N, C-alpha and C. Protein backbone atom coordinates (compact mmCIF):
# COMPACT_ATOMS: atom_id res chain seq x y z
N UNK A 1 48.41 40.77 78.47
CA UNK A 1 48.24 41.95 79.31
C UNK A 1 49.60 42.46 79.76
N UNK A 2 49.77 43.77 79.77
CA UNK A 2 51.02 44.39 80.20
C UNK A 2 51.02 44.58 81.71
N UNK A 3 52.18 44.42 82.30
CA UNK A 3 52.37 44.73 83.71
C UNK A 3 52.97 46.12 83.80
N UNK A 4 52.24 47.06 84.36
CA UNK A 4 52.71 48.44 84.47
C UNK A 4 53.39 48.63 85.81
N UNK A 5 54.50 49.38 85.83
CA UNK A 5 55.22 49.68 87.06
C UNK A 5 55.25 51.18 87.26
N UNK A 6 55.15 51.59 88.51
CA UNK A 6 55.26 53.00 88.85
C UNK A 6 56.72 53.32 89.11
N UNK A 7 57.22 54.39 88.51
CA UNK A 7 58.59 54.84 88.73
C UNK A 7 58.56 56.28 89.23
N UNK A 8 59.61 56.68 89.92
CA UNK A 8 59.69 58.06 90.40
C UNK A 8 59.85 59.00 89.23
N UNK A 9 59.32 60.21 89.38
CA UNK A 9 59.38 61.19 88.30
C UNK A 9 60.82 61.48 87.87
N UNK A 10 61.75 61.45 88.81
CA UNK A 10 63.14 61.71 88.50
C UNK A 10 63.81 60.61 87.68
N UNK A 11 63.11 59.52 87.47
CA UNK A 11 63.66 58.41 86.70
C UNK A 11 63.18 58.42 85.25
N UNK A 12 62.38 59.42 84.89
CA UNK A 12 61.80 59.46 83.55
C UNK A 12 62.18 60.77 82.87
N UNK A 13 62.45 60.69 81.58
CA UNK A 13 62.67 61.89 80.78
C UNK A 13 62.17 61.61 79.37
N UNK A 14 61.76 62.67 78.70
CA UNK A 14 61.31 62.56 77.32
C UNK A 14 62.32 63.23 76.41
N UNK A 15 62.50 62.66 75.25
CA UNK A 15 63.44 63.20 74.27
C UNK A 15 62.64 63.85 73.15
N UNK A 16 62.95 65.11 72.84
CA UNK A 16 62.31 65.87 71.79
C UNK A 16 63.38 66.35 70.82
N UNK A 17 62.99 66.61 69.57
CA UNK A 17 63.95 67.05 68.56
C UNK A 17 63.29 68.01 67.59
N UNK A 18 64.07 69.00 67.16
CA UNK A 18 63.60 69.92 66.13
C UNK A 18 63.84 69.27 64.77
N UNK A 19 62.82 69.26 63.93
CA UNK A 19 62.96 68.69 62.59
C UNK A 19 62.64 69.71 61.50
N UNK A 20 62.55 70.98 61.87
CA UNK A 20 62.22 72.02 60.91
C UNK A 20 63.45 72.38 60.08
N UNK A 21 63.29 72.43 58.79
CA UNK A 21 64.41 72.66 57.86
C UNK A 21 64.99 74.07 57.98
N UNK A 22 64.16 75.06 58.34
CA UNK A 22 64.62 76.44 58.37
C UNK A 22 65.08 76.91 59.75
N UNK A 23 65.40 75.98 60.62
CA UNK A 23 65.83 76.30 61.98
C UNK A 23 67.32 75.97 62.14
N UNK A 24 67.99 76.72 62.99
CA UNK A 24 69.41 76.48 63.22
C UNK A 24 69.70 75.52 64.35
N UNK A 25 68.72 74.75 64.78
CA UNK A 25 68.90 73.83 65.89
C UNK A 25 69.81 72.65 65.55
N UNK A 26 70.01 72.38 64.27
CA UNK A 26 70.82 71.24 63.82
C UNK A 26 70.29 69.92 64.35
N UNK A 27 68.97 69.80 64.40
CA UNK A 27 68.31 68.58 64.84
C UNK A 27 68.76 68.12 66.22
N UNK A 28 69.11 69.09 67.07
CA UNK A 28 69.54 68.80 68.43
C UNK A 28 68.40 68.21 69.24
N UNK A 29 68.71 67.17 70.01
CA UNK A 29 67.73 66.58 70.90
C UNK A 29 67.79 67.28 72.25
N UNK A 30 66.63 67.48 72.87
CA UNK A 30 66.56 68.02 74.22
C UNK A 30 65.87 66.99 75.11
N UNK A 31 66.30 66.96 76.37
CA UNK A 31 65.76 66.02 77.34
C UNK A 31 64.89 66.79 78.32
N UNK A 32 63.65 66.36 78.49
CA UNK A 32 62.69 67.08 79.31
C UNK A 32 62.21 66.21 80.46
N UNK A 33 62.28 66.76 81.67
CA UNK A 33 61.78 66.11 82.87
C UNK A 33 60.26 66.30 82.92
N UNK A 34 59.50 65.32 83.41
CA UNK A 34 58.03 65.44 83.42
C UNK A 34 57.50 66.69 84.13
N UNK A 35 58.15 67.15 85.18
CA UNK A 35 57.65 68.31 85.91
C UNK A 35 57.73 69.60 85.09
N UNK A 36 58.54 69.62 84.06
CA UNK A 36 58.74 70.80 83.23
C UNK A 36 57.48 71.16 82.45
N UNK A 37 56.68 70.17 82.06
CA UNK A 37 55.51 70.41 81.21
C UNK A 37 54.45 71.28 81.87
N UNK A 38 54.24 71.16 83.18
CA UNK A 38 53.20 71.93 83.87
C UNK A 38 53.38 73.43 83.67
N UNK A 39 54.59 73.91 83.75
CA UNK A 39 54.84 75.34 83.63
C UNK A 39 55.13 75.81 82.21
N UNK A 40 55.56 74.89 81.34
CA UNK A 40 56.08 75.30 80.05
C UNK A 40 55.38 74.70 78.83
N UNK A 41 54.59 73.66 79.01
CA UNK A 41 54.01 72.98 77.86
C UNK A 41 55.06 72.13 77.16
N UNK A 42 54.86 71.87 75.91
CA UNK A 42 55.83 71.08 75.16
C UNK A 42 56.95 72.00 74.66
N UNK A 43 58.14 71.45 74.43
CA UNK A 43 59.27 72.30 74.04
C UNK A 43 59.15 72.85 72.63
N UNK A 44 59.75 74.03 72.45
CA UNK A 44 59.81 74.66 71.14
C UNK A 44 61.27 74.89 70.78
N UNK A 45 61.55 74.98 69.48
CA UNK A 45 62.91 75.18 69.01
C UNK A 45 63.27 76.66 69.02
N UNK A 46 64.44 76.99 68.48
CA UNK A 46 64.94 78.36 68.48
C UNK A 46 64.06 79.34 67.72
N UNK A 47 63.28 78.86 66.76
CA UNK A 47 62.41 79.77 66.00
C UNK A 47 60.96 79.72 66.48
N UNK A 48 60.73 79.07 67.63
CA UNK A 48 59.40 79.05 68.22
C UNK A 48 58.47 77.98 67.69
N UNK A 49 58.97 77.04 66.91
CA UNK A 49 58.14 75.95 66.38
C UNK A 49 58.16 74.77 67.35
N UNK A 50 57.04 74.07 67.44
CA UNK A 50 56.97 72.89 68.30
C UNK A 50 57.99 71.85 67.86
N UNK A 51 58.67 71.27 68.86
CA UNK A 51 59.60 70.19 68.57
C UNK A 51 58.81 68.89 68.46
N UNK A 52 59.42 67.87 67.87
CA UNK A 52 58.77 66.57 67.71
C UNK A 52 59.18 65.63 68.83
N UNK A 53 58.19 64.93 69.38
CA UNK A 53 58.45 63.92 70.40
C UNK A 53 59.18 62.75 69.75
N UNK A 54 60.27 62.28 70.37
CA UNK A 54 61.05 61.17 69.84
C UNK A 54 60.84 59.90 70.65
N UNK A 55 61.06 59.97 71.98
CA UNK A 55 60.92 58.77 72.81
C UNK A 55 60.90 59.17 74.29
N UNK A 56 60.56 58.22 75.14
CA UNK A 56 60.64 58.37 76.58
C UNK A 56 61.69 57.41 77.10
N UNK A 57 62.50 57.87 78.04
CA UNK A 57 63.55 57.03 78.62
C UNK A 57 63.32 56.92 80.13
N UNK A 58 63.65 55.75 80.67
CA UNK A 58 63.55 55.49 82.10
C UNK A 58 64.93 55.11 82.60
N UNK A 59 65.39 55.74 83.70
CA UNK A 59 66.71 55.47 84.25
C UNK A 59 66.81 54.01 84.70
N UNK A 60 67.92 53.38 84.39
CA UNK A 60 68.18 52.00 84.79
C UNK A 60 68.91 52.02 86.13
N UNK A 61 68.22 51.62 87.17
CA UNK A 61 68.80 51.62 88.51
C UNK A 61 69.23 50.21 88.93
N UNK A 62 69.34 49.31 87.99
CA UNK A 62 69.65 47.92 88.30
C UNK A 62 71.09 47.70 88.74
N UNK A 63 71.97 48.68 88.51
CA UNK A 63 73.38 48.52 88.87
C UNK A 63 73.71 49.20 90.19
N UNK A 64 72.69 49.36 91.05
CA UNK A 64 72.91 49.95 92.36
C UNK A 64 73.04 51.46 92.36
N UNK A 65 72.61 52.11 91.29
CA UNK A 65 72.66 53.56 91.22
C UNK A 65 71.51 54.15 92.04
N UNK A 66 71.61 55.42 92.35
CA UNK A 66 70.56 56.09 93.12
C UNK A 66 69.20 55.94 92.46
N UNK A 67 68.14 55.88 93.28
CA UNK A 67 66.78 55.69 92.77
C UNK A 67 66.33 56.76 91.80
N UNK A 68 66.63 58.01 92.10
CA UNK A 68 66.13 59.06 91.21
C UNK A 68 67.25 59.66 90.38
N UNK A 69 67.95 58.79 89.66
CA UNK A 69 69.02 59.21 88.77
C UNK A 69 68.45 59.45 87.38
N UNK A 70 68.48 60.66 86.95
CA UNK A 70 68.09 61.01 85.58
C UNK A 70 68.69 62.37 85.28
N UNK A 71 69.63 62.42 84.38
CA UNK A 71 70.24 63.68 84.00
C UNK A 71 69.36 64.33 82.94
N UNK A 72 68.92 65.52 83.21
CA UNK A 72 67.97 66.18 82.32
C UNK A 72 68.50 67.54 81.89
N UNK A 73 68.47 67.80 80.61
CA UNK A 73 68.84 69.10 80.07
C UNK A 73 67.55 69.78 79.63
N UNK A 74 67.31 70.96 80.14
CA UNK A 74 66.10 71.68 79.77
C UNK A 74 66.51 72.92 78.98
N UNK A 75 65.93 73.06 77.82
CA UNK A 75 66.18 74.23 76.98
C UNK A 75 64.91 75.04 76.93
N UNK A 76 65.01 76.30 77.37
CA UNK A 76 63.85 77.17 77.35
C UNK A 76 64.08 78.27 76.32
N UNK A 77 63.10 78.51 75.52
CA UNK A 77 63.20 79.53 74.48
C UNK A 77 62.06 80.51 74.67
N UNK A 78 62.39 81.80 74.75
CA UNK A 78 61.34 82.82 74.83
C UNK A 78 60.90 83.18 73.43
N UNK A 79 59.60 83.24 73.25
CA UNK A 79 59.04 83.57 71.95
C UNK A 79 58.21 84.84 72.11
N UNK A 80 58.42 85.78 71.20
CA UNK A 80 57.65 87.02 71.24
C UNK A 80 56.17 86.71 71.02
N UNK A 81 55.33 87.28 71.87
CA UNK A 81 53.89 87.05 71.75
C UNK A 81 53.31 88.02 70.73
N UNK A 82 52.42 87.49 69.92
CA UNK A 82 51.81 88.31 68.85
C UNK A 82 50.74 89.21 69.41
């Protein structure tokens, strides 16, 4: 059985990446904070295609760092609506 721990939202981020061949993103990874999803959904690349989920990261606070340490880069792309 796994022991689950609750962490603050600021300690978690998800990593997404564009893997589309015809996009100019150059397979750049973006870091998304959990609160971002409510307003924006999942991230899209420069050509409006869904990015692929890569992994979830949790901030390591074991070295006496602040509790809610998580550096997050959010990339927002506007897509023309059909």
